[in-house]
Amino acid sequence: MSDHVYKIIELTGSSHEGIEAAVSNAVEKAGKSLHGLRWFEVTETRGWIDQGKVGHWQVTIKVGMALD
């Protein structure tokens, strides 16, 4: 196994569907323009309440990218 060096970036994804969908949206969007994505860590979770119900999720993650 070789040694790796990672760059960490912070992303925030959102979704009406839930927390997992918000994370997936952030990772998938980042993956379209960045390469070497390896892992993520959820650092913050927020939501909006709409008429007494959860209306929207927003999740902030740190993403580790392996440097070339």
PDB file of N, CA and C in Angstrom:
ATOM      1  N   MET A   1       0.839  -1.174   0.000  1.00  0.00           N
ATOM      2  CA  MET A   1       0.000   0.000   0.000  1.00  0.00           C
ATOM      3  C   MET A   1       0.888   1.242   0.000  1.00  0.00           C
ATOM      4  N   SER A   2       0.599   2.164  -0.902  1.00  0.00           N
ATOM      5  CA  SER A   2       1.403   3.384  -0.968  1.00  0.00           C
ATOM      6  C   SER A   2       0.849   4.435  -0.008  1.00  0.00           C
ATOM      7  N   ASP A   3       1.715   5.392   0.337  1.00  0.00           N
ATOM      8  CA  ASP A   3       1.279   6.501   1.181  1.00  0.00           C
ATOM      9  C   ASP A   3       0.483   7.488   0.339  1.00  0.00           C
ATOM     10  N   HIS A   4      -0.516   8.089   0.941  1.00  0.00           N
ATOM     11  CA  HIS A   4      -1.350   9.058   0.231  1.00  0.00           C
ATOM     12  C   HIS A   4      -1.325  10.393   0.953  1.00  0.00           C
ATOM     13  N   VAL A   5      -1.520  11.452   0.186  1.00  0.00           N
ATOM     14  CA  VAL A   5      -1.711  12.792   0.726  1.00  0.00           C
ATOM     15  C   VAL A   5      -3.066  13.266   0.219  1.00  0.00           C
ATOM     16  N   TYR A   6      -3.866  13.842   1.118  1.00  0.00           N
ATOM     17  CA  TYR A   6      -5.214  14.260   0.768  1.00  0.00           C
ATOM     18  C   TYR A   6      -5.390  15.758   0.909  1.00  0.00           C
ATOM     19  N   LYS A   7      -6.191  16.318   0.033  1.00  0.00           N
ATOM     20  CA  LYS A   7      -6.666  17.685   0.166  1.00  0.00           C
ATOM     21  C   LYS A   7      -8.099  17.560   0.655  1.00  0.00           C
ATOM     22  N   ILE A   8      -8.481  18.385   1.609  1.00  0.00           N
ATOM     23  CA  ILE A   8      -9.838  18.341   2.140  1.00  0.00           C
ATOM     24  C   ILE A   8     -10.584  19.596   1.698  1.00  0.00           C
ATOM     25  N   ILE A   9     -11.774  19.394   1.137  1.00  0.00           N
ATOM     26  CA  ILE A   9     -12.626  20.519   0.758  1.00  0.00           C
ATOM     27  C   ILE A   9     -13.948  20.382   1.502  1.00  0.00           C
ATOM     28  N   GLU A  10     -14.643  21.486   1.647  1.00  0.00           N
ATOM     29  CA  GLU A  10     -15.936  21.480   2.322  1.00  0.00           C
ATOM     30  C   GLU A  10     -17.021  21.748   1.297  1.00  0.00           C
ATOM     31  N   LEU A  11     -18.071  20.952   1.333  1.00  0.00           N
ATOM     32  CA  LEU A  11     -19.192  21.080   0.402  1.00  0.00           C
ATOM     33  C   LEU A  11     -20.490  21.071   1.189  1.00  0.00           C
ATOM     34  N   THR A  12     -21.519  21.687   0.632  1.00  0.00           N
ATOM     35  CA  THR A  12     -22.849  21.610   1.223  1.00  0.00           C
ATOM     36  C   THR A  12     -23.818  21.186   0.140  1.00  0.00           C
ATOM     37  N   GLY A  13     -24.504  20.073   0.398  1.00  0.00           N
ATOM     38  CA  GLY A  13     -25.515  19.571  -0.523  1.00  0.00           C
ATOM     39  C   GLY A  13     -26.894  19.754   0.078  1.00  0.00           C
ATOM     40  N   SER A  14     -27.902  19.805  -0.762  1.00  0.00           N
ATOM     41  CA  SER A  14     -29.265  19.974  -0.261  1.00  0.00           C
ATOM     42  C   SER A  14     -30.212  19.038  -0.996  1.00  0.00           C
ATOM     43  N   SER A  15     -31.344  18.767  -0.335  1.00  0.00           N
ATOM     44  CA  SER A  15     -32.344  17.888  -0.929  1.00  0.00           C
ATOM     45  C   SER A  15     -33.667  18.019  -0.175  1.00  0.00           C
ATOM     46  N   HIS A  16     -34.745  17.859  -0.908  1.00  0.00           N
ATOM     47  CA  HIS A  16     -36.071  17.767  -0.288  1.00  0.00           C
ATOM     48  C   HIS A  16     -36.318  16.352   0.214  1.00  0.00           C
ATOM     49  N   GLU A  17     -35.529  15.390  -0.277  1.00  0.00           N
ATOM     50  CA  GLU A  17     -35.769  13.970   0.011  1.00  0.00           C
ATOM     51  C   GLU A  17     -35.191  13.505   1.343  1.00  0.00           C
ATOM     52  N   GLY A  18     -34.026  14.039   1.766  1.00  0.00           N
ATOM     53  CA  GLY A  18     -33.445  13.594   3.020  1.00  0.00           C
ATOM     54  C   GLY A  18     -31.948  13.836   3.094  1.00  0.00           C
ATOM     55  N   ILE A  19     -31.386  13.416   4.224  1.00  0.00           N
ATOM     56  CA  ILE A  19     -29.967  13.641   4.496  1.00  0.00           C
ATOM     57  C   ILE A  19     -29.086  12.899   3.500  1.00  0.00           C
ATOM     58  N   GLU A  20     -29.359  11.624   3.266  1.00  0.00           N
ATOM     59  CA  GLU A  20     -28.527  10.836   2.345  1.00  0.00           C
ATOM     60  C   GLU A  20     -28.556  11.417   0.940  1.00  0.00           C
ATOM     61  N   ALA A  21     -29.704  11.878   0.508  1.00  0.00           N
ATOM     62  CA  ALA A  21     -29.803  12.473  -0.824  1.00  0.00           C
ATOM     63  C   ALA A  21     -29.012  13.773  -0.895  1.00  0.00           C
ATOM     64  N   ALA A  22     -29.006  14.556   0.182  1.00  0.00           N
ATOM     65  CA  ALA A  22     -28.235  15.800   0.210  1.00  0.00           C
ATOM     66  C   ALA A  22     -26.741  15.509   0.096  1.00  0.00           C
ATOM     67  N   VAL A  23     -26.267  14.484   0.821  1.00  0.00           N
ATOM     68  CA  VAL A  23     -24.859  14.088   0.731  1.00  0.00           C
ATOM     69  C   VAL A  23     -24.548  13.610  -0.685  1.00  0.00           C
ATOM     70  N   SER A  24     -25.386  12.763  -1.221  1.00  0.00           N
ATOM     71  CA  SER A  24     -25.173  12.236  -2.578  1.00  0.00           C
ATOM     72  C   SER A  24     -25.129  13.355  -3.611  1.00  0.00           C
ATOM     73  N   ASN A  25     -26.007  14.333  -3.474  1.00  0.00           N
ATOM     74  CA  ASN A  25     -26.013  15.461  -4.417  1.00  0.00           C
ATOM     75  C   ASN A  25     -24.684  16.206  -4.388  1.00  0.00           C
ATOM     76  N   ALA A  26     -24.147  16.436  -3.189  1.00  0.00           N
ATOM     77  CA  ALA A  26     -22.869  17.146  -3.073  1.00  0.00           C
ATOM     78  C   ALA A  26     -21.727  16.335  -3.680  1.00  0.00           C
ATOM     79  N   VAL A  27     -21.658  15.043  -3.358  1.00  0.00           N
ATOM     80  CA  VAL A  27     -20.570  14.188  -3.855  1.00  0.00           C
ATOM     81  C   VAL A  27     -20.654  14.026  -5.372  1.00  0.00           C
ATOM     82  N   GLU A  28     -21.851  13.781  -5.888  1.00  0.00           N
ATOM     83  CA  GLU A  28     -22.003  13.574  -7.329  1.00  0.00           C
ATOM     84  C   GLU A  28     -21.660  14.835  -8.117  1.00  0.00           C
ATOM     85  N   LYS A  29     -22.085  15.995  -7.629  1.00  0.00           N
ATOM     86  CA  LYS A  29     -21.772  17.258  -8.316  1.00  0.00           C
ATOM     87  C   LYS A  29     -20.263  17.508  -8.296  1.00  0.00           C
ATOM     88  N   ALA A  30     -19.618  17.299  -7.149  1.00  0.00           N
ATOM     89  CA  ALA A  30     -18.170  17.500  -7.048  1.00  0.00           C
ATOM     90  C   ALA A  30     -17.423  16.535  -7.963  1.00  0.00           C
ATOM     91  N   GLY A  31     -17.914  15.311  -8.063  1.00  0.00           N
ATOM     92  CA  GLY A  31     -17.272  14.302  -8.890  1.00  0.00           C
ATOM     93  C   GLY A  31     -17.265  14.628 -10.377  1.00  0.00           C
ATOM     94  N   LYS A  32     -18.124  15.546 -10.799  1.00  0.00           N
ATOM     95  CA  LYS A  32     -18.164  15.940 -12.212  1.00  0.00           C
ATOM     96  C   LYS A  32     -16.990  16.843 -12.592  1.00  0.00           C
ATOM     97  N   SER A  33     -16.427  17.555 -11.602  1.00  0.00           N
ATOM     98  CA  SER A  33     -15.332  18.464 -11.929  1.00  0.00           C
ATOM     99  C   SER A  33     -14.039  18.173 -11.157  1.00  0.00           C
ATOM    100  N   LEU A  34     -14.090  17.307 -10.169  1.00  0.00           N
ATOM    101  CA  LEU A  34     -12.906  16.960  -9.379  1.00  0.00           C
ATOM    102  C   LEU A  34     -12.622  15.474  -9.514  1.00  0.00           C
ATOM    103  N   HIS A  35     -11.359  15.091  -9.391  1.00  0.00           N
ATOM    104  CA  HIS A  35     -11.037  13.666  -9.432  1.00  0.00           C
ATOM    105  C   HIS A  35     -10.307  13.274  -8.151  1.00  0.00           C
ATOM    106  N   GLY A  36     -10.266  12.004  -7.869  1.00  0.00           N
ATOM    107  CA  GLY A  36      -9.567  11.508  -6.697  1.00  0.00           C
ATOM    108  C   GLY A  36     -10.360  11.589  -5.407  1.00  0.00           C
ATOM    109  N   LEU A  37     -11.687  11.789  -5.501  1.00  0.00           N
ATOM    110  CA  LEU A  37     -12.502  11.821  -4.284  1.00  0.00           C
ATOM    111  C   LEU A  37     -12.431  10.453  -3.613  1.00  0.00           C
ATOM    112  N   ARG A  38     -12.149  10.430  -2.301  1.00  0.00           N
ATOM    113  CA  ARG A  38     -11.952   9.164  -1.601  1.00  0.00           C
ATOM    114  C   ARG A  38     -12.899   8.943  -0.435  1.00  0.00           C
ATOM    115  N   TRP A  39     -13.193   9.986   0.339  1.00  0.00           N
ATOM    116  CA  TRP A  39     -14.009   9.794   1.532  1.00  0.00           C
ATOM    117  C   TRP A  39     -14.730  11.093   1.872  1.00  0.00           C
ATOM    118  N   PHE A  40     -15.738  10.991   2.746  1.00  0.00           N
ATOM    119  CA  PHE A  40     -16.410  12.194   3.236  1.00  0.00           C
ATOM    120  C   PHE A  40     -16.752  12.024   4.710  1.00  0.00           C
ATOM    121  N   GLU A  41     -16.934  13.163   5.361  1.00  0.00           N
ATOM    122  CA  GLU A  41     -17.314  13.213   6.773  1.00  0.00           C
ATOM    123  C   GLU A  41     -18.414  14.261   6.920  1.00  0.00           C
ATOM    124  N   VAL A  42     -19.540  13.877   7.481  1.00  0.00           N
ATOM    125  CA  VAL A  42     -20.627  14.829   7.722  1.00  0.00           C
ATOM    126  C   VAL A  42     -20.240  15.707   8.907  1.00  0.00           C
ATOM    127  N   THR A  43     -20.255  17.024   8.704  1.00  0.00           N
ATOM    128  CA  THR A  43     -19.870  17.943   9.774  1.00  0.00           C
ATOM    129  C   THR A  43     -21.038  18.769  10.300  1.00  0.00           C
ATOM    130  N   GLU A  44     -22.092  18.894   9.502  1.00  0.00           N
ATOM    131  CA  GLU A  44     -23.218  19.719   9.931  1.00  0.00           C
ATOM    132  C   GLU A  44     -24.476  19.290   9.185  1.00  0.00           C
ATOM    133  N   THR A  45     -25.582  19.278   9.882  1.00  0.00           N
ATOM    134  CA  THR A  45     -26.873  18.946   9.275  1.00  0.00           C
ATOM    135  C   THR A  45     -27.890  20.000   9.696  1.00  0.00           C
ATOM    136  N   ARG A  46     -28.604  20.523   8.717  1.00  0.00           N
ATOM    137  CA  ARG A  46     -29.635  21.522   8.971  1.00  0.00           C
ATOM    138  C   ARG A  46     -30.893  21.155   8.199  1.00  0.00           C
ATOM    139  N   GLY A  47     -31.990  21.743   8.604  1.00  0.00           N
ATOM    140  CA  GLY A  47     -33.233  21.551   7.872  1.00  0.00           C
ATOM    141  C   GLY A  47     -34.139  22.751   8.013  1.00  0.00           C
ATOM    142  N   TRP A  48     -35.071  22.859   7.101  1.00  0.00           N
ATOM    143  CA  TRP A  48     -36.079  23.901   7.148  1.00  0.00           C
ATOM    144  C   TRP A  48     -37.416  23.275   7.451  1.00  0.00           C
ATOM    145  N   ILE A  49     -38.184  23.984   8.243  1.00  0.00           N
ATOM    146  CA  ILE A  49     -39.519  23.531   8.603  1.00  0.00           C
ATOM    147  C   ILE A  49     -40.512  24.321   7.766  1.00  0.00           C
ATOM    148  N   ASP A  50     -41.401  23.596   7.108  1.00  0.00           N
ATOM    149  CA  ASP A  50     -42.413  24.209   6.251  1.00  0.00           C
ATOM    150  C   ASP A  50     -43.783  23.713   6.692  1.00  0.00           C
ATOM    151  N   GLN A  51     -44.575  24.589   7.229  1.00  0.00           N
ATOM    152  CA  GLN A  51     -45.930  24.266   7.693  1.00  0.00           C
ATOM    153  C   GLN A  51     -45.922  23.085   8.668  1.00  0.00           C
ATOM    154  N   GLY A  52     -44.973  23.112   9.610  1.00  0.00           N
ATOM    155  CA  GLY A  52     -44.934  22.100  10.657  1.00  0.00           C
ATOM    156  C   GLY A  52     -44.281  20.782  10.265  1.00  0.00           C
ATOM    157  N   LYS A  53     -43.706  20.709   9.063  1.00  0.00           N
ATOM    158  CA  LYS A  53     -43.052  19.488   8.597  1.00  0.00           C
ATOM    159  C   LYS A  53     -41.668  19.826   8.050  1.00  0.00           C
ATOM    160  N   VAL A  54     -40.793  18.814   8.013  1.00  0.00           N
ATOM    161  CA  VAL A  54     -39.473  19.019   7.408  1.00  0.00           C
ATOM    162  C   VAL A  54     -39.673  19.246   5.919  1.00  0.00           C
ATOM    163  N   GLY A  55     -39.197  20.389   5.446  1.00  0.00           N
ATOM    164  CA  GLY A  55     -39.379  20.732   4.039  1.00  0.00           C
ATOM    165  C   GLY A  55     -38.126  20.578   3.198  1.00  0.00           C
ATOM    166  N   HIS A  56     -36.952  20.655   3.850  1.00  0.00           N
ATOM    167  CA  HIS A  56     -35.718  20.652   3.076  1.00  0.00           C
ATOM    168  C   HIS A  56     -34.547  20.320   3.988  1.00  0.00           C
ATOM    169  N   TRP A  57     -33.591  19.557   3.483  1.00  0.00           N
ATOM    170  CA  TRP A  57     -32.373  19.200   4.219  1.00  0.00           C
ATOM    171  C   TRP A  57     -31.171  19.859   3.591  1.00  0.00           C
ATOM    172  N   GLN A  58     -30.201  20.236   4.425  1.00  0.00           N
ATOM    173  CA  GLN A  58     -28.927  20.771   3.945  1.00  0.00           C
ATOM    174  C   GLN A  58     -27.827  20.136   4.800  1.00  0.00           C
ATOM    175  N   VAL A  59     -26.854  19.489   4.156  1.00  0.00           N
ATOM    176  CA  VAL A  59     -25.804  18.764   4.860  1.00  0.00           C
ATOM    177  C   VAL A  59     -24.440  19.262   4.388  1.00  0.00           C
ATOM    178  N   THR A  60     -23.593  19.646   5.337  1.00  0.00           N
ATOM    179  CA  THR A  60     -22.231  20.072   5.033  1.00  0.00           C
ATOM    180  C   THR A  60     -21.299  18.899   5.299  1.00  0.00           C
ATOM    181  N   ILE A  61     -20.413  18.643   4.337  1.00  0.00           N
ATOM    182  CA  ILE A  61     -19.472  17.531   4.451  1.00  0.00           C
ATOM    183  C   ILE A  61     -18.057  18.011   4.148  1.00  0.00           C
ATOM    184  N   LYS A  62     -17.086  17.318   4.702  1.00  0.00           N
ATOM    185  CA  LYS A  62     -15.697  17.468   4.306  1.00  0.00           C
ATOM    186  C   LYS A  62     -15.388  16.290   3.409  1.00  0.00           C
ATOM    187  N   VAL A  63     -14.747  16.558   2.276  1.00  0.00           N
ATOM    188  CA  VAL A  63     -14.429  15.509   1.304  1.00  0.00           C
ATOM    189  C   VAL A  63     -12.913  15.443   1.146  1.00  0.00           C
ATOM    190  N   GLY A  64     -12.373  14.232   1.257  1.00  0.00           N
ATOM    191  CA  GLY A  64     -10.944  14.022   1.055  1.00  0.00           C
ATOM    192  C   GLY A  64     -10.651  13.604  -0.379  1.00  0.00           C
ATOM    193  N   MET A  65      -9.717  14.319  -1.004  1.00  0.00           N
ATOM    194  CA  MET A  65      -9.307  14.025  -2.377  1.00  0.00           C
ATOM    195  C   MET A  65      -7.831  13.622  -2.348  1.00  0.00           C
ATOM    196  N   ALA A  66      -7.518  12.497  -2.963  1.00  0.00           N
ATOM    197  CA  ALA A  66      -6.123  12.060  -3.048  1.00  0.00           C
ATOM    198  C   ALA A  66      -5.392  12.932  -4.071  1.00  0.00           C
ATOM    199  N   LEU A  67      -4.252  13.461  -3.683  1.00  0.00           N
ATOM    200  CA  LEU A  67      -3.463  14.266  -4.611  1.00  0.00           C
ATOM    201  C   LEU A  67      -2.649  13.353  -5.522  1.00  0.00           C
ATOM    202  N   ASP A  68      -2.444  13.781  -6.765  1.00  0.00           N
ATOM    203  CA  ASP A  68      -1.663  13.004  -7.739  1.00  0.00           C
ATOM    204  C   ASP A  68      -0.202  12.960  -7.330  1.00  0.00           C
TER     205      ASP A  68
END
